[in-house]
Amino acid sequence: MQERLKASYEDRFHQAVKRLYSDSSAMKNKAFNTFNELEKVGHTGCLKYLAMCYYSGLGCDKDNDKAREYYTITIALGLYNAEPKPNFF
């Protein structure tokens, strides 16, 4: 059961990544919302994408404070390889 749930989260994550890079602002919004939902269940892969979204205003309002917070978390967890690299550190 837990493996199926984990696979479902991974599927949603990969789908959200594809949506984030689409040309549609509605798809970017869906991607951002999915990343937020996945964060609530502990999916760490979405953290760098939330940082990117806040940094660039993808699917949300641009917010450098939140971007910095998420980038800092990804660094602390050893997950940092997000682009674009923030210039506020």
PDB file of N, CA and C in Angstrom:
ATOM      1  N   MET A   1       0.827  -1.194   0.000  1.00  0.00           N
ATOM      2  CA  MET A   1       0.000   0.000   0.000  1.00  0.00           C
ATOM      3  C   MET A   1       0.866   1.251   0.000  1.00  0.00           C
ATOM      4  N   GLN A   2       1.876   1.297   0.859  1.00  0.00           N
ATOM      5  CA  GLN A   2       2.728   2.464   0.959  1.00  0.00           C
ATOM      6  C   GLN A   2       3.540   2.675  -0.325  1.00  0.00           C
ATOM      7  N   GLU A   3       3.944   1.593  -0.954  1.00  0.00           N
ATOM      8  CA  GLU A   3       4.690   1.688  -2.210  1.00  0.00           C
ATOM      9  C   GLU A   3       3.824   2.292  -3.317  1.00  0.00           C
ATOM     10  N   ARG A   4       2.550   1.899  -3.371  1.00  0.00           N
ATOM     11  CA  ARG A   4       1.640   2.447  -4.381  1.00  0.00           C
ATOM     12  C   ARG A   4       1.426   3.938  -4.157  1.00  0.00           C
ATOM     13  N   LEU A   5       1.291   4.324  -2.892  1.00  0.00           N
ATOM     14  CA  LEU A   5       1.108   5.730  -2.562  1.00  0.00           C
ATOM     15  C   LEU A   5       2.343   6.540  -2.944  1.00  0.00           C
ATOM     16  N   LYS A   6       3.513   5.996  -2.647  1.00  0.00           N
ATOM     17  CA  LYS A   6       4.768   6.656  -2.990  1.00  0.00           C
ATOM     18  C   LYS A   6       4.894   6.807  -4.510  1.00  0.00           C
ATOM     19  N   ALA A   7       4.527   5.773  -5.251  1.00  0.00           N
ATOM     20  CA  ALA A   7       4.573   5.825  -6.710  1.00  0.00           C
ATOM     21  C   ALA A   7       3.600   6.880  -7.238  1.00  0.00           C
ATOM     22  N   SER A   8       2.452   7.000  -6.603  1.00  0.00           N
ATOM     23  CA  SER A   8       1.467   7.995  -7.002  1.00  0.00           C
ATOM     24  C   SER A   8       2.024   9.408  -6.811  1.00  0.00           C
ATOM     25  N   TYR A   9       2.702   9.644  -5.698  1.00  0.00           N
ATOM     26  CA  TYR A   9       3.319  10.947  -5.450  1.00  0.00           C
ATOM     27  C   TYR A   9       4.393  11.240  -6.489  1.00  0.00           C
ATOM     28  N   GLU A  10       5.173  10.235  -6.839  1.00  0.00           N
ATOM     29  CA  GLU A  10       6.220  10.419  -7.845  1.00  0.00           C
ATOM     30  C   GLU A  10       5.607  10.742  -9.210  1.00  0.00           C
ATOM     31  N   ASP A  11       4.527  10.078  -9.550  1.00  0.00           N
ATOM     32  CA  ASP A  11       3.839  10.360 -10.815  1.00  0.00           C
ATOM     33  C   ASP A  11       3.331  11.801 -10.830  1.00  0.00           C
ATOM     34  N   ARG A  12       2.708  12.223  -9.748  1.00  0.00           N
ATOM     35  CA  ARG A  12       2.202  13.604  -9.658  1.00  0.00           C
ATOM     36  C   ARG A  12       3.350  14.605  -9.736  1.00  0.00           C
ATOM     37  N   PHE A  13       4.474  14.284  -9.106  1.00  0.00           N
ATOM     38  CA  PHE A  13       5.637  15.156  -9.126  1.00  0.00           C
ATOM     39  C   PHE A  13       6.149  15.327 -10.555  1.00  0.00           C
ATOM     40  N   HIS A  14       6.341  14.234 -11.267  1.00  0.00           N
ATOM     41  CA  HIS A  14       6.856  14.307 -12.632  1.00  0.00           C
ATOM     42  C   HIS A  14       5.884  15.025 -13.570  1.00  0.00           C
ATOM     43  N   GLN A  15       4.609  14.816 -13.346  1.00  0.00           N
ATOM     44  CA  GLN A  15       3.601  15.510 -14.139  1.00  0.00           C
ATOM     45  C   GLN A  15       3.663  17.021 -13.871  1.00  0.00           C
ATOM     46  N   ALA A  16       3.861  17.391 -12.616  1.00  0.00           N
ATOM     47  CA  ALA A  16       3.955  18.816 -12.261  1.00  0.00           C
ATOM     48  C   ALA A  16       5.193  19.461 -12.870  1.00  0.00           C
ATOM     49  N   VAL A  17       6.297  18.738 -12.901  1.00  0.00           N
ATOM     50  CA  VAL A  17       7.521  19.278 -13.512  1.00  0.00           C
ATOM     51  C   VAL A  17       7.262  19.560 -14.995  1.00  0.00           C
ATOM     52  N   LYS A  18       6.603  18.649 -15.683  1.00  0.00           N
ATOM     53  CA  LYS A  18       6.280  18.867 -17.098  1.00  0.00           C
ATOM     54  C   LYS A  18       5.375  20.077 -17.268  1.00  0.00           C
ATOM     55  N   ARG A  19       4.393  20.209 -16.382  1.00  0.00           N
ATOM     56  CA  ARG A  19       3.478  21.350 -16.454  1.00  0.00           C
ATOM     57  C   ARG A  19       4.209  22.670 -16.225  1.00  0.00           C
ATOM     58  N   LEU A  20       5.169  22.660 -15.331  1.00  0.00           N
ATOM     59  CA  LEU A  20       5.899  23.884 -15.006  1.00  0.00           C
ATOM     60  C   LEU A  20       6.606  24.441 -16.235  1.00  0.00           C
ATOM     61  N   TYR A  21       7.085  23.568 -17.107  1.00  0.00           N
ATOM     62  CA  TYR A  21       7.822  23.999 -18.288  1.00  0.00           C
ATOM     63  C   TYR A  21       6.942  24.169 -19.528  1.00  0.00           C
ATOM     64  N   SER A  22       5.630  24.118 -19.349  1.00  0.00           N
ATOM     65  CA  SER A  22       4.730  24.346 -20.481  1.00  0.00           C
ATOM     66  C   SER A  22       4.612  25.853 -20.741  1.00  0.00           C
ATOM     67  N   ASP A  23       4.003  26.203 -21.845  1.00  0.00           N
ATOM     68  CA  ASP A  23       3.807  27.608 -22.192  1.00  0.00           C
ATOM     69  C   ASP A  23       2.553  28.198 -21.556  1.00  0.00           C
ATOM     70  N   SER A  24       1.742  27.369 -20.967  1.00  0.00           N
ATOM     71  CA  SER A  24       0.458  27.795 -20.409  1.00  0.00           C
ATOM     72  C   SER A  24       0.590  28.251 -18.959  1.00  0.00           C
ATOM     73  N   SER A  25       0.076  29.445 -18.675  1.00  0.00           N
ATOM     74  CA  SER A  25       0.120  29.920 -17.290  1.00  0.00           C
ATOM     75  C   SER A  25      -0.792  29.080 -16.393  1.00  0.00           C
ATOM     76  N   ALA A  26      -1.874  28.543 -16.948  1.00  0.00           N
ATOM     77  CA  ALA A  26      -2.756  27.672 -16.163  1.00  0.00           C
ATOM     78  C   ALA A  26      -2.016  26.400 -15.740  1.00  0.00           C
ATOM     79  N   MET A  27      -1.186  25.863 -16.635  1.00  0.00           N
ATOM     80  CA  MET A  27      -0.402  24.666 -16.313  1.00  0.00           C
ATOM     81  C   MET A  27       0.658  24.986 -15.262  1.00  0.00           C
ATOM     82  N   LYS A  28       1.265  26.158 -15.344  1.00  0.00           N
ATOM     83  CA  LYS A  28       2.248  26.577 -14.337  1.00  0.00           C
ATOM     84  C   LYS A  28       1.573  26.704 -12.967  1.00  0.00           C
ATOM     85  N   ASN A  29       0.353  27.248 -12.940  1.00  0.00           N
ATOM     86  CA  ASN A  29      -0.404  27.351 -11.681  1.00  0.00           C
ATOM     87  C   ASN A  29      -0.695  25.970 -11.110  1.00  0.00           C
ATOM     88  N   LYS A  30      -1.100  25.030 -11.983  1.00  0.00           N
ATOM     89  CA  LYS A  30      -1.371  23.658 -11.518  1.00  0.00           C
ATOM     90  C   LYS A  30      -0.105  23.019 -10.969  1.00  0.00           C
ATOM     91  N   ALA A  31       1.009  23.260 -11.651  1.00  0.00           N
ATOM     92  CA  ALA A  31       2.284  22.707 -11.182  1.00  0.00           C
ATOM     93  C   ALA A  31       2.616  23.258  -9.805  1.00  0.00           C
ATOM     94  N   PHE A  32       2.510  24.555  -9.637  1.00  0.00           N
ATOM     95  CA  PHE A  32       2.807  25.180  -8.346  1.00  0.00           C
ATOM     96  C   PHE A  32       1.915  24.599  -7.243  1.00  0.00           C
ATOM     97  N   ASN A  33       0.630  24.469  -7.527  1.00  0.00           N
ATOM     98  CA  ASN A  33      -0.298  23.911  -6.530  1.00  0.00           C
ATOM     99  C   ASN A  33       0.059  22.468  -6.183  1.00  0.00           C
ATOM    100  N   THR A  34       0.449  21.690  -7.178  1.00  0.00           N
ATOM    101  CA  THR A  34       0.850  20.301  -6.932  1.00  0.00           C
ATOM    102  C   THR A  34       2.104  20.250  -6.065  1.00  0.00           C
ATOM    103  N   PHE A  35       3.090  21.104  -6.354  1.00  0.00           N
ATOM    104  CA  PHE A  35       4.303  21.145  -5.529  1.00  0.00           C
ATOM    105  C   PHE A  35       3.958  21.470  -4.077  1.00  0.00           C
ATOM    106  N   ASN A  36       3.030  22.396  -3.866  1.00  0.00           N
ATOM    107  CA  ASN A  36       2.600  22.731  -2.498  1.00  0.00           C
ATOM    108  C   ASN A  36       1.951  21.538  -1.814  1.00  0.00           C
ATOM    109  N   GLU A  37       1.097  20.820  -2.541  1.00  0.00           N
ATOM    110  CA  GLU A  37       0.442  19.634  -1.970  1.00  0.00           C
ATOM    111  C   GLU A  37       1.469  18.560  -1.628  1.00  0.00           C
ATOM    112  N   LEU A  38       2.431  18.355  -2.519  1.00  0.00           N
ATOM    113  CA  LEU A  38       3.445  17.335  -2.278  1.00  0.00           C
ATOM    114  C   LEU A  38       4.348  17.692  -1.104  1.00  0.00           C
ATOM    115  N   GLU A  39       4.599  18.981  -0.927  1.00  0.00           N
ATOM    116  CA  GLU A  39       5.403  19.393   0.231  1.00  0.00           C
ATOM    117  C   GLU A  39       4.705  18.996   1.532  1.00  0.00           C
ATOM    118  N   LYS A  40       3.409  19.121   1.572  1.00  0.00           N
ATOM    119  CA  LYS A  40       2.642  18.802   2.786  1.00  0.00           C
ATOM    120  C   LYS A  40       2.715  17.327   3.164  1.00  0.00           C
ATOM    121  N   VAL A  41       2.989  16.455   2.173  1.00  0.00           N
ATOM    122  CA  VAL A  41       3.102  15.023   2.472  1.00  0.00           C
ATOM    123  C   VAL A  41       4.561  14.594   2.598  1.00  0.00           C
ATOM    124  N   GLY A  42       5.476  15.568   2.563  1.00  0.00           N
ATOM    125  CA  GLY A  42       6.881  15.268   2.814  1.00  0.00           C
ATOM    126  C   GLY A  42       7.711  14.917   1.600  1.00  0.00           C
ATOM    127  N   HIS A  43       7.238  15.242   0.421  1.00  0.00           N
ATOM    128  CA  HIS A  43       8.000  14.961  -0.804  1.00  0.00           C
ATOM    129  C   HIS A  43       9.086  16.028  -0.932  1.00  0.00           C
ATOM    130  N   THR A  44      10.339  15.643  -0.772  1.00  0.00           N
ATOM    131  CA  THR A  44      11.421  16.620  -0.761  1.00  0.00           C
ATOM    132  C   THR A  44      11.822  17.097  -2.153  1.00  0.00           C
ATOM    133  N   GLY A  45      11.530  16.321  -3.180  1.00  0.00           N
ATOM    134  CA  GLY A  45      11.882  16.724  -4.532  1.00  0.00           C
ATOM    135  C   GLY A  45      11.208  18.001  -4.976  1.00  0.00           C
ATOM    136  N   CYS A  46      10.060  18.292  -4.409  1.00  0.00           N
ATOM    137  CA  CYS A  46       9.313  19.477  -4.825  1.00  0.00           C
ATOM    138  C   CYS A  46       9.891  20.768  -4.246  1.00  0.00           C
ATOM    139  N   LEU A  47      10.751  20.675  -3.253  1.00  0.00           N
ATOM    140  CA  LEU A  47      11.246  21.870  -2.574  1.00  0.00           C
ATOM    141  C   LEU A  47      12.028  22.791  -3.506  1.00  0.00           C
ATOM    142  N   LYS A  48      12.908  22.232  -4.310  1.00  0.00           N
ATOM    143  CA  LYS A  48      13.685  23.083  -5.214  1.00  0.00           C
ATOM    144  C   LYS A  48      12.791  23.702  -6.281  1.00  0.00           C
ATOM    145  N   TYR A  49      11.720  23.012  -6.654  1.00  0.00           N
ATOM    146  CA  TYR A  49      10.804  23.578  -7.634  1.00  0.00           C
ATOM    147  C   TYR A  49       9.958  24.688  -7.026  1.00  0.00           C
ATOM    148  N   LEU A  50       9.611  24.557  -5.758  1.00  0.00           N
ATOM    149  CA  LEU A  50       8.922  25.656  -5.085  1.00  0.00           C
ATOM    150  C   LEU A  50       9.838  26.881  -5.021  1.00  0.00           C
ATOM    151  N   ALA A  51      11.115  26.654  -4.740  1.00  0.00           N
ATOM    152  CA  ALA A  51      12.074  27.757  -4.725  1.00  0.00           C
ATOM    153  C   ALA A  51      12.132  28.432  -6.092  1.00  0.00           C
ATOM    154  N   MET A  52      12.206  27.626  -7.149  1.00  0.00           N
ATOM    155  CA  MET A  52      12.240  28.174  -8.510  1.00  0.00           C
ATOM    156  C   MET A  52      10.977  28.965  -8.824  1.00  0.00           C
ATOM    157  N   CYS A  53       9.830  28.408  -8.427  1.00  0.00           N
ATOM    158  CA  CYS A  53       8.559  29.091  -8.686  1.00  0.00           C
ATOM    159  C   CYS A  53       8.533  30.460  -8.023  1.00  0.00           C
ATOM    160  N   TYR A  54       8.873  30.502  -6.744  1.00  0.00           N
ATOM    161  CA  TYR A  54       8.866  31.780  -6.036  1.00  0.00           C
ATOM    162  C   TYR A  54       9.930  32.735  -6.573  1.00  0.00           C
ATOM    163  N   TYR A  55      11.067  32.211  -6.953  1.00  0.00           N
ATOM    164  CA  TYR A  55      12.158  33.038  -7.464  1.00  0.00           C
ATOM    165  C   TYR A  55      11.786  33.694  -8.793  1.00  0.00           C
ATOM    166  N   SER A  56      11.127  32.928  -9.659  1.00  0.00           N
ATOM    167  CA  SER A  56      10.818  33.403 -11.006  1.00  0.00           C
ATOM    168  C   SER A  56       9.367  33.823 -11.202  1.00  0.00           C
ATOM    169  N   GLY A  57       8.529  33.600 -10.194  1.00  0.00           N
ATOM    170  CA  GLY A  57       7.113  33.920 -10.335  1.00  0.00           C
ATOM    171  C   GLY A  57       6.389  32.959 -11.259  1.00  0.00           C
ATOM    172  N   LEU A  58       6.761  31.683 -11.217  1.00  0.00           N
ATOM    173  CA  LEU A  58       6.129  30.661 -12.054  1.00  0.00           C
ATOM    174  C   LEU A  58       4.943  30.054 -11.320  1.00  0.00           C
ATOM    175  N   GLY A  59       3.742  30.373 -11.749  1.00  0.00           N
ATOM    176  CA  GLY A  59       2.543  29.825 -11.130  1.00  0.00           C
ATOM    177  C   GLY A  59       2.161  30.504  -9.824  1.00  0.00           C
ATOM    178  N   CYS A  60       2.893  31.539  -9.463  1.00  0.00           N
ATOM    179  CA  CYS A  60       2.645  32.268  -8.214  1.00  0.00           C
ATOM    180  C   CYS A  60       3.242  33.666  -8.353  1.00  0.00           C
ATOM    181  N   ASP A  61       2.990  34.502  -7.355  1.00  0.00           N
ATOM    182  CA  ASP A  61       3.644  35.807  -7.333  1.00  0.00           C
ATOM    183  C   ASP A  61       5.098  35.627  -6.955  1.00  0.00           C
ATOM    184  N   LYS A  62       5.957  36.391  -7.569  1.00  0.00           N
ATOM    185  CA  LYS A  62       7.384  36.340  -7.252  1.00  0.00           C
ATOM    186  C   LYS A  62       7.577  36.777  -5.794  1.00  0.00           C
ATOM    187  N   ASP A  63       8.356  35.981  -5.053  1.00  0.00           N
ATOM    188  CA  ASP A  63       8.581  36.273  -3.637  1.00  0.00           C
ATOM    189  C   ASP A  63       9.993  35.816  -3.263  1.00  0.00           C
ATOM    190  N   ASN A  64      10.932  36.751  -3.244  1.00  0.00           N
ATOM    191  CA  ASN A  64      12.323  36.397  -2.964  1.00  0.00           C
ATOM    192  C   ASN A  64      12.533  35.854  -1.557  1.00  0.00           C
ATOM    193  N   ASP A  65      11.737  36.291  -0.598  1.00  0.00           N
ATOM    194  CA  ASP A  65      11.870  35.764   0.765  1.00  0.00           C
ATOM    195  C   ASP A  65      11.518  34.281   0.819  1.00  0.00           C
ATOM    196  N   LYS A  66      10.413  33.915   0.189  1.00  0.00           N
ATOM    197  CA  LYS A  66      10.030  32.498   0.159  1.00  0.00           C
ATOM    198  C   LYS A  66      11.010  31.686  -0.680  1.00  0.00           C
ATOM    199  N   ALA A  67      11.473  32.259  -1.785  1.00  0.00           N
ATOM    200  CA  ALA A  67      12.461  31.565  -2.614  1.00  0.00           C
ATOM    201  C   ALA A  67      13.712  31.282  -1.793  1.00  0.00           C
ATOM    202  N   ARG A  68      14.182  32.276  -1.072  1.00  0.00           N
ATOM    203  CA  ARG A  68      15.375  32.108  -0.232  1.00  0.00           C
ATOM    204  C   ARG A  68      15.144  31.030   0.823  1.00  0.00           C
ATOM    205  N   GLU A  69      13.962  31.017   1.411  1.00  0.00           N
ATOM    206  CA  GLU A  69      13.630  30.008   2.424  1.00  0.00           C
ATOM    207  C   GLU A  69      13.697  28.592   1.833  1.00  0.00           C
ATOM    208  N   TYR A  70      13.086  28.401   0.674  1.00  0.00           N
ATOM    209  CA  TYR A  70      13.094  27.070   0.060  1.00  0.00           C
ATOM    210  C   TYR A  70      14.481  26.679  -0.440  1.00  0.00           C
ATOM    211  N   TYR A  71      15.227  27.631  -1.003  1.00  0.00           N
ATOM    212  CA  TYR A  71      16.592  27.311  -1.420  1.00  0.00           C
ATOM    213  C   TYR A  71      17.442  26.926  -0.211  1.00  0.00           C
ATOM    214  N   THR A  72      17.255  27.618   0.902  1.00  0.00           N
ATOM    215  CA  THR A  72      18.006  27.312   2.122  1.00  0.00           C
ATOM    216  C   THR A  72      17.682  25.897   2.612  1.00  0.00           C
ATOM    217  N   ILE A  73      16.424  25.517   2.548  1.00  0.00           N
ATOM    218  CA  ILE A  73      16.018  24.165   2.958  1.00  0.00           C
ATOM    219  C   ILE A  73      16.671  23.121   2.048  1.00  0.00           C
ATOM    220  N   THR A  74      16.670  23.373   0.737  1.00  0.00           N
ATOM    221  CA  THR A  74      17.264  22.398  -0.176  1.00  0.00           C
ATOM    222  C   THR A  74      18.765  22.259   0.070  1.00  0.00           C
ATOM    223  N   ILE A  75      19.407  23.364   0.399  1.00  0.00           N
ATOM    224  CA  ILE A  75      20.836  23.307   0.724  1.00  0.00           C
ATOM    225  C   ILE A  75      21.054  22.493   1.992  1.00  0.00           C
ATOM    226  N   ALA A  76      20.246  22.754   3.022  1.00  0.00           N
ATOM    227  CA  ALA A  76      20.381  22.045   4.301  1.00  0.00           C
ATOM    228  C   ALA A  76      20.155  20.548   4.141  1.00  0.00           C
ATOM    229  N   LEU A  77      19.258  20.170   3.226  1.00  0.00           N
ATOM    230  CA  LEU A  77      18.962  18.749   3.005  1.00  0.00           C
ATOM    231  C   LEU A  77      19.913  18.099   2.014  1.00  0.00           C
ATOM    232  N   GLY A  78      20.818  18.880   1.448  1.00  0.00           N
ATOM    233  CA  GLY A  78      21.753  18.341   0.469  1.00  0.00           C
ATOM    234  C   GLY A  78      21.126  18.086  -0.885  1.00  0.00           C
ATOM    235  N   LEU A  79      20.065  18.797  -1.189  1.00  0.00           N
ATOM    236  CA  LEU A  79      19.338  18.598  -2.446  1.00  0.00           C
ATOM    237  C   LEU A  79      19.593  19.707  -3.445  1.00  0.00           C
ATOM    238  N   TYR A  80      20.502  20.590  -3.154  1.00  0.00           N
ATOM    239  CA  TYR A  80      20.656  21.795  -3.961  1.00  0.00           C
ATOM    240  C   TYR A  80      21.303  21.505  -5.301  1.00  0.00           C
ATOM    241  N   ASN A  81      20.552  21.683  -6.341  1.00  0.00           N
ATOM    242  CA  ASN A  81      21.059  21.728  -7.710  1.00  0.00           C
ATOM    243  C   ASN A  81      20.021  22.419  -8.577  1.00  0.00           C
ATOM    244  N   ALA A  82      19.291  23.323  -7.948  1.00  0.00           N
ATOM    245  CA  ALA A  82      18.202  24.010  -8.626  1.00  0.00           C
ATOM    246  C   ALA A  82      18.720  25.137  -9.506  1.00  0.00           C
ATOM    247  N   GLU A  83      18.074  25.314 -10.602  1.00  0.00           N
ATOM    248  CA  GLU A  83      18.346  26.437 -11.488  1.00  0.00           C
ATOM    249  C   GLU A  83      17.076  27.282 -11.545  1.00  0.00           C
ATOM    250  N   PRO A  84      17.103  28.545 -11.663  1.00  0.00           N
ATOM    251  CA  PRO A  84      18.317  29.350 -11.704  1.00  0.00           C
ATOM    252  C   PRO A  84      18.918  29.481 -10.319  1.00  0.00           C
ATOM    253  N   LYS A  85      20.194  29.608 -10.275  1.00  0.00           N
ATOM    254  CA  LYS A  85      20.845  29.769  -8.984  1.00  0.00           C
ATOM    255  C   LYS A  85      20.518  31.162  -8.465  1.00  0.00           C
ATOM    256  N   PRO A  86      20.064  31.240  -7.235  1.00  0.00           N
ATOM    257  CA  PRO A  86      19.666  32.550  -6.696  1.00  0.00           C
ATOM    258  C   PRO A  86      20.878  33.459  -6.517  1.00  0.00           C
ATOM    259  N   ASN A  87      20.661  34.729  -6.701  1.00  0.00           N
ATOM    260  CA  ASN A  87      21.745  35.687  -6.538  1.00  0.00           C
ATOM    261  C   ASN A  87      21.619  36.460  -5.226  1.00  0.00           C
ATOM    262  N   PHE A  88      20.815  35.966  -4.307  1.00  0.00           N
ATOM    263  CA  PHE A  88      20.604  36.696  -3.068  1.00  0.00           C
ATOM    264  C   PHE A  88      21.287  36.054  -1.871  1.00  0.00           C
ATOM    265  N   PHE A  89      22.194  35.119  -2.075  1.00  0.00           N
ATOM    266  CA  PHE A  89      22.938  34.520  -0.964  1.00  0.00           C
ATOM    267  C   PHE A  89      24.257  35.199  -0.807  1.00  0.00           C
TER     268      PHE A  89
END
